[in-house]
Amino acid sequence: MSRYEVRLPYTLSETLTAAFPEFELLPIGPAETLLVGDLDDQTQLHGLLARLADLGLDIAELRQLR
């Protein structure tokens, strides 16, 4: 299991919160949101990336935490 941070260039909203209930969502700055959560493997990471793409969301940064 690995912990990830995904920085999105969007203000934290109810829509984002509802779309990613398994992640902790943190507002950072005036128009950015950080998703923080654990993923079991690469398959789950690819699933998260696909969900972001399906929602038409841009990714500003993706980091695997150590």
PDB file of N, CA and C in Angstrom:
ATOM      1  N   MET A   1       0.848  -1.170   0.000  1.00  0.00           N
ATOM      2  CA  MET A   1       0.000   0.000   0.000  1.00  0.00           C
ATOM      3  C   MET A   1       0.889   1.227   0.000  1.00  0.00           C
ATOM      4  N   SER A   2       0.509   2.217  -0.793  1.00  0.00           N
ATOM      5  CA  SER A   2       1.264   3.466  -0.881  1.00  0.00           C
ATOM      6  C   SER A   2       0.321   4.644  -0.674  1.00  0.00           C
ATOM      7  N   ARG A   3       0.881   5.701  -0.121  1.00  0.00           N
ATOM      8  CA  ARG A   3       0.120   6.928   0.110  1.00  0.00           C
ATOM      9  C   ARG A   3       0.451   7.904  -1.016  1.00  0.00           C
ATOM     10  N   TYR A   4      -0.585   8.565  -1.524  1.00  0.00           N
ATOM     11  CA  TYR A   4      -0.426   9.494  -2.635  1.00  0.00           C
ATOM     12  C   TYR A   4      -1.033  10.845  -2.307  1.00  0.00           C
ATOM     13  N   GLU A   5      -0.464  11.879  -2.914  1.00  0.00           N
ATOM     14  CA  GLU A   5      -1.026  13.221  -2.924  1.00  0.00           C
ATOM     15  C   GLU A   5      -1.288  13.601  -4.374  1.00  0.00           C
ATOM     16  N   VAL A   6      -2.475  14.093  -4.628  1.00  0.00           N
ATOM     17  CA  VAL A   6      -2.815  14.577  -5.969  1.00  0.00           C
ATOM     18  C   VAL A   6      -3.253  16.026  -5.818  1.00  0.00           C
ATOM     19  N   ARG A   7      -2.521  16.922  -6.445  1.00  0.00           N
ATOM     20  CA  ARG A   7      -2.844  18.353  -6.391  1.00  0.00           C
ATOM     21  C   ARG A   7      -3.687  18.700  -7.622  1.00  0.00           C
ATOM     22  N   LEU A   8      -4.864  19.263  -7.362  1.00  0.00           N
ATOM     23  CA  LEU A   8      -5.775  19.643  -8.429  1.00  0.00           C
ATOM     24  C   LEU A   8      -5.910  21.161  -8.458  1.00  0.00           C
ATOM     25  N   PRO A   9      -5.923  21.757  -9.646  1.00  0.00           N
ATOM     26  CA  PRO A   9      -6.032  23.211  -9.742  1.00  0.00           C
ATOM     27  C   PRO A   9      -7.485  23.686  -9.669  1.00  0.00           C
ATOM     28  N   TYR A  10      -8.171  23.273  -8.605  1.00  0.00           N
ATOM     29  CA  TYR A  10      -9.584  23.619  -8.424  1.00  0.00           C
ATOM     30  C   TYR A  10      -9.841  23.919  -6.956  1.00  0.00           C
ATOM     31  N   THR A  11     -10.802  24.789  -6.715  1.00  0.00           N
ATOM     32  CA  THR A  11     -11.255  25.068  -5.362  1.00  0.00           C
ATOM     33  C   THR A  11     -11.989  23.855  -4.818  1.00  0.00           C
ATOM     34  N   LEU A  12     -11.794  23.560  -3.542  1.00  0.00           N
ATOM     35  CA  LEU A  12     -12.507  22.464  -2.893  1.00  0.00           C
ATOM     36  C   LEU A  12     -14.007  22.727  -2.979  1.00  0.00           C
ATOM     37  N   SER A  13     -14.751  21.711  -3.411  1.00  0.00           N
ATOM     38  CA  SER A  13     -16.195  21.864  -3.579  1.00  0.00           C
ATOM     39  C   SER A  13     -16.906  20.599  -3.123  1.00  0.00           C
ATOM     40  N   GLU A  14     -18.213  20.688  -3.017  1.00  0.00           N
ATOM     41  CA  GLU A  14     -19.012  19.511  -2.677  1.00  0.00           C
ATOM     42  C   GLU A  14     -18.901  18.448  -3.757  1.00  0.00           C
ATOM     43  N   THR A  15     -18.786  18.869  -5.001  1.00  0.00           N
ATOM     44  CA  THR A  15     -18.656  17.933  -6.118  1.00  0.00           C
ATOM     45  C   THR A  15     -17.377  17.110  -5.989  1.00  0.00           C
ATOM     46  N   LEU A  16     -16.257  17.775  -5.713  1.00  0.00           N
ATOM     47  CA  LEU A  16     -14.995  17.054  -5.529  1.00  0.00           C
ATOM     48  C   LEU A  16     -15.070  16.125  -4.321  1.00  0.00           C
ATOM     49  N   THR A  17     -15.636  16.614  -3.245  1.00  0.00           N
ATOM     50  CA  THR A  17     -15.757  15.802  -2.033  1.00  0.00           C
ATOM     51  C   THR A  17     -16.582  14.548  -2.299  1.00  0.00           C
ATOM     52  N   ALA A  18     -17.671  14.692  -3.024  1.00  0.00           N
ATOM     53  CA  ALA A  18     -18.532  13.547  -3.334  1.00  0.00           C
ATOM     54  C   ALA A  18     -17.862  12.577  -4.304  1.00  0.00           C
ATOM     55  N   ALA A  19     -17.025  13.082  -5.209  1.00  0.00           N
ATOM     56  CA  ALA A  19     -16.394  12.236  -6.220  1.00  0.00           C
ATOM     57  C   ALA A  19     -15.248  11.399  -5.650  1.00  0.00           C
ATOM     58  N   PHE A  20     -14.682  11.817  -4.522  1.00  0.00           N
ATOM     59  CA  PHE A  20     -13.520  11.129  -3.958  1.00  0.00           C
ATOM     60  C   PHE A  20     -13.699  10.898  -2.456  1.00  0.00           C
ATOM     61  N   PRO A  21     -14.727  10.124  -2.072  1.00  0.00           N
ATOM     62  CA  PRO A  21     -15.007   9.937  -0.645  1.00  0.00           C
ATOM     63  C   PRO A  21     -13.914   9.178   0.110  1.00  0.00           C
ATOM     64  N   GLU A  22     -13.098   8.415  -0.597  1.00  0.00           N
ATOM     65  CA  GLU A  22     -12.056   7.628   0.057  1.00  0.00           C
ATOM     66  C   GLU A  22     -10.786   8.427   0.312  1.00  0.00           C
ATOM     67  N   PHE A  23     -10.758   9.681  -0.143  1.00  0.00           N
ATOM     68  CA  PHE A  23      -9.588  10.532   0.031  1.00  0.00           C
ATOM     69  C   PHE A  23      -9.883  11.653   1.014  1.00  0.00           C
ATOM     70  N   GLU A  24      -8.833  12.096   1.677  1.00  0.00           N
ATOM     71  CA  GLU A  24      -8.917  13.315   2.462  1.00  0.00           C
ATOM     72  C   GLU A  24      -8.689  14.464   1.481  1.00  0.00           C
ATOM     73  N   LEU A  25      -9.571  15.443   1.475  1.00  0.00           N
ATOM     74  CA  LEU A  25      -9.444  16.584   0.583  1.00  0.00           C
ATOM     75  C   LEU A  25      -9.106  17.813   1.403  1.00  0.00           C
ATOM     76  N   LEU A  26      -8.035  18.473   1.011  1.00  0.00           N
ATOM     77  CA  LEU A  26      -7.552  19.635   1.743  1.00  0.00           C
ATOM     78  C   LEU A  26      -7.462  20.836   0.814  1.00  0.00           C
ATOM     79  N   PRO A  27      -8.088  21.955   1.176  1.00  0.00           N
ATOM     80  CA  PRO A  27      -7.922  23.161   0.365  1.00  0.00           C
ATOM     81  C   PRO A  27      -6.520  23.715   0.586  1.00  0.00           C
ATOM     82  N   ILE A  28      -5.843  24.051  -0.499  1.00  0.00           N
ATOM     83  CA  ILE A  28      -4.522  24.682  -0.400  1.00  0.00           C
ATOM     84  C   ILE A  28      -4.512  25.863  -1.354  1.00  0.00           C
ATOM     85  N   GLY A  29      -4.216  27.000  -0.836  1.00  0.00           N
ATOM     86  CA  GLY A  29      -4.237  28.196  -1.666  1.00  0.00           C
ATOM     87  C   GLY A  29      -5.659  28.556  -2.050  1.00  0.00           C
ATOM     88  N   PRO A  30      -5.794  29.610  -2.828  1.00  0.00           N
ATOM     89  CA  PRO A  30      -7.133  30.081  -3.183  1.00  0.00           C
ATOM     90  C   PRO A  30      -7.864  29.204  -4.192  1.00  0.00           C
ATOM     91  N   ALA A  31      -7.147  28.429  -4.970  1.00  0.00           N
ATOM     92  CA  ALA A  31      -7.828  27.662  -6.027  1.00  0.00           C
ATOM     93  C   ALA A  31      -7.162  26.320  -6.278  1.00  0.00           C
ATOM     94  N   GLU A  32      -6.770  25.640  -5.210  1.00  0.00           N
ATOM     95  CA  GLU A  32      -6.178  24.312  -5.357  1.00  0.00           C
ATOM     96  C   GLU A  32      -6.703  23.402  -4.254  1.00  0.00           C
ATOM     97  N   THR A  33      -6.800  22.132  -4.592  1.00  0.00           N
ATOM     98  CA  THR A  33      -7.228  21.125  -3.638  1.00  0.00           C
ATOM     99  C   THR A  33      -6.244  19.969  -3.678  1.00  0.00           C
ATOM    100  N   LEU A  34      -5.925  19.447  -2.511  1.00  0.00           N
ATOM    101  CA  LEU A  34      -5.021  18.317  -2.395  1.00  0.00           C
ATOM    102  C   LEU A  34      -5.822  17.090  -1.970  1.00  0.00           C
ATOM    103  N   LEU A  35      -5.735  16.024  -2.772  1.00  0.00           N
ATOM    104  CA  LEU A  35      -6.325  14.738  -2.411  1.00  0.00           C
ATOM    105  C   LEU A  35      -5.214  13.909  -1.795  1.00  0.00           C
ATOM    106  N   VAL A  36      -5.459  13.337  -0.621  1.00  0.00           N
ATOM    107  CA  VAL A  36      -4.465  12.514   0.058  1.00  0.00           C
ATOM    108  C   VAL A  36      -5.126  11.198   0.430  1.00  0.00           C
ATOM    109  N   GLY A  37      -4.486  10.098   0.047  1.00  0.00           N
ATOM    110  CA  GLY A  37      -5.059   8.810   0.389  1.00  0.00           C
ATOM    111  C   GLY A  37      -4.151   7.656   0.041  1.00  0.00           C
ATOM    112  N   ASP A  38      -4.567   6.474   0.489  1.00  0.00           N
ATOM    113  CA  ASP A  38      -3.804   5.245   0.271  1.00  0.00           C
ATOM    114  C   ASP A  38      -4.392   4.451  -0.885  1.00  0.00           C
ATOM    115  N   LEU A  39      -3.511   3.909  -1.702  1.00  0.00           N
ATOM    116  CA  LEU A  39      -3.901   3.024  -2.795  1.00  0.00           C
ATOM    117  C   LEU A  39      -3.118   1.727  -2.640  1.00  0.00           C
ATOM    118  N   ASP A  40      -3.791   0.620  -2.862  1.00  0.00           N
ATOM    119  CA  ASP A  40      -3.165  -0.695  -2.654  1.00  0.00           C
ATOM    120  C   ASP A  40      -2.108  -1.036  -3.686  1.00  0.00           C
ATOM    121  N   ASP A  41      -2.338  -0.600  -4.939  1.00  0.00           N
ATOM    122  CA  ASP A  41      -1.429  -1.024  -5.997  1.00  0.00           C
ATOM    123  C   ASP A  41      -1.577  -0.110  -7.216  1.00  0.00           C
ATOM    124  N   GLN A  42      -0.843  -0.433  -8.264  1.00  0.00           N
ATOM    125  CA  GLN A  42      -0.861   0.360  -9.494  1.00  0.00           C
ATOM    126  C   GLN A  42      -2.230   0.331 -10.168  1.00  0.00           C
ATOM    127  N   THR A  43      -2.954  -0.755 -10.020  1.00  0.00           N
ATOM    128  CA  THR A  43      -4.284  -0.852 -10.612  1.00  0.00           C
ATOM    129  C   THR A  43      -5.205   0.206 -10.006  1.00  0.00           C
ATOM    130  N   GLN A  44      -5.139   0.399  -8.697  1.00  0.00           N
ATOM    131  CA  GLN A  44      -5.957   1.432  -8.073  1.00  0.00           C
ATOM    132  C   GLN A  44      -5.505   2.827  -8.493  1.00  0.00           C
ATOM    133  N   LEU A  45      -4.203   3.022  -8.658  1.00  0.00           N
ATOM    134  CA  LEU A  45      -3.700   4.304  -9.134  1.00  0.00           C
ATOM    135  C   LEU A  45      -4.233   4.605 -10.525  1.00  0.00           C
ATOM    136  N   HIS A  46      -4.192   3.621 -11.403  1.00  0.00           N
ATOM    137  CA  HIS A  46      -4.722   3.814 -12.759  1.00  0.00           C
ATOM    138  C   HIS A  46      -6.223   4.085 -12.723  1.00  0.00           C
ATOM    139  N   GLY A  47      -6.926   3.436 -11.800  1.00  0.00           N
ATOM    140  CA  GLY A  47      -8.357   3.695 -11.643  1.00  0.00           C
ATOM    141  C   GLY A  47      -8.629   5.125 -11.208  1.00  0.00           C
ATOM    142  N   LEU A  48      -7.818   5.635 -10.279  1.00  0.00           N
ATOM    143  CA  LEU A  48      -7.960   7.026  -9.847  1.00  0.00           C
ATOM    144  C   LEU A  48      -7.699   7.980 -11.008  1.00  0.00           C
ATOM    145  N   LEU A  49      -6.633   7.728 -11.757  1.00  0.00           N
ATOM    146  CA  LEU A  49      -6.315   8.585 -12.906  1.00  0.00           C
ATOM    147  C   LEU A  49      -7.433   8.546 -13.941  1.00  0.00           C
ATOM    148  N   ALA A  50      -8.019   7.382 -14.167  1.00  0.00           N
ATOM    149  CA  ALA A  50      -9.128   7.264 -15.113  1.00  0.00           C
ATOM    150  C   ALA A  50     -10.344   8.039 -14.610  1.00  0.00           C
ATOM    151  N   ARG A  51     -10.615   7.971 -13.311  1.00  0.00           N
ATOM    152  CA  ARG A  51     -11.758   8.705 -12.748  1.00  0.00           C
ATOM    153  C   ARG A  51     -11.549  10.212 -12.899  1.00  0.00           C
ATOM    154  N   LEU A  52     -10.332  10.687 -12.636  1.00  0.00           N
ATOM    155  CA  LEU A  52     -10.028  12.104 -12.832  1.00  0.00           C
ATOM    156  C   LEU A  52     -10.240  12.508 -14.290  1.00  0.00           C
ATOM    157  N   ALA A  53      -9.777  11.666 -15.216  1.00  0.00           N
ATOM    158  CA  ALA A  53      -9.943  11.946 -16.646  1.00  0.00           C
ATOM    159  C   ALA A  53     -11.412  11.937 -17.044  1.00  0.00           C
ATOM    160  N   ASP A  54     -12.169  10.981 -16.534  1.00  0.00           N
ATOM    161  CA  ASP A  54     -13.599  10.895 -16.848  1.00  0.00           C
ATOM    162  C   ASP A  54     -14.352  12.134 -16.386  1.00  0.00           C
ATOM    163  N   LEU A  55     -13.892  12.725 -15.285  1.00  0.00           N
ATOM    164  CA  LEU A  55     -14.529  13.937 -14.765  1.00  0.00           C
ATOM    165  C   LEU A  55     -14.001  15.203 -15.441  1.00  0.00           C
ATOM    166  N   GLY A  56     -13.012  15.031 -16.337  1.00  0.00           N
ATOM    167  CA  GLY A  56     -12.449  16.173 -17.055  1.00  0.00           C
ATOM    168  C   GLY A  56     -11.575  17.053 -16.181  1.00  0.00           C
ATOM    169  N   LEU A  57     -10.996  16.476 -15.119  1.00  0.00           N
ATOM    170  CA  LEU A  57     -10.175  17.242 -14.189  1.00  0.00           C
ATOM    171  C   LEU A  57      -8.708  17.196 -14.583  1.00  0.00           C
ATOM    172  N   ASP A  58      -8.051  18.323 -14.463  1.00  0.00           N
ATOM    173  CA  ASP A  58      -6.614  18.411 -14.700  1.00  0.00           C
ATOM    174  C   ASP A  58      -5.874  18.049 -13.424  1.00  0.00           C
ATOM    175  N   ILE A  59      -4.663  17.538 -13.570  1.00  0.00           N
ATOM    176  CA  ILE A  59      -3.806  17.219 -12.441  1.00  0.00           C
ATOM    177  C   ILE A  59      -2.626  18.186 -12.471  1.00  0.00           C
ATOM    178  N   ALA A  60      -2.427  18.915 -11.380  1.00  0.00           N
ATOM    179  CA  ALA A  60      -1.290  19.818 -11.300  1.00  0.00           C
ATOM    180  C   ALA A  60      -0.045  19.081 -10.844  1.00  0.00           C
ATOM    181  N   GLU A  61      -0.222  18.073  -9.973  1.00  0.00           N
ATOM    182  CA  GLU A  61       0.916  17.322  -9.455  1.00  0.00           C
ATOM    183  C   GLU A  61       0.418  16.012  -8.843  1.00  0.00           C
ATOM    184  N   LEU A  62       1.215  14.972  -8.989  1.00  0.00           N
ATOM    185  CA  LEU A  62       0.934  13.673  -8.383  1.00  0.00           C
ATOM    186  C   LEU A  62       2.215  13.209  -7.716  1.00  0.00           C
ATOM    187  N   ARG A  63       2.125  12.882  -6.413  1.00  0.00           N
ATOM    188  CA  ARG A  63       3.311  12.440  -5.678  1.00  0.00           C
ATOM    189  C   ARG A  63       2.998  11.193  -4.876  1.00  0.00           C
ATOM    190  N   GLN A  64       3.923  10.259  -4.900  1.00  0.00           N
ATOM    191  CA  GLN A  64       3.846   9.111  -4.011  1.00  0.00           C
ATOM    192  C   GLN A  64       4.652   9.473  -2.775  1.00  0.00           C
ATOM    193  N   LEU A  65       4.037   9.367  -1.612  1.00  0.00           N
ATOM    194  CA  LEU A  65       4.721   9.715  -0.365  1.00  0.00           C
ATOM    195  C   LEU A  65       5.469   8.520   0.168  1.00  0.00           C
ATOM    196  N   ARG A  66       6.559   8.763   0.797  1.00  0.00           N
ATOM    197  CA  ARG A  66       7.386   7.698   1.377  1.00  0.00           C
ATOM    198  C   ARG A  66       7.143   7.625   2.861  1.00  0.00           C
TER     199      ARG A  66
END
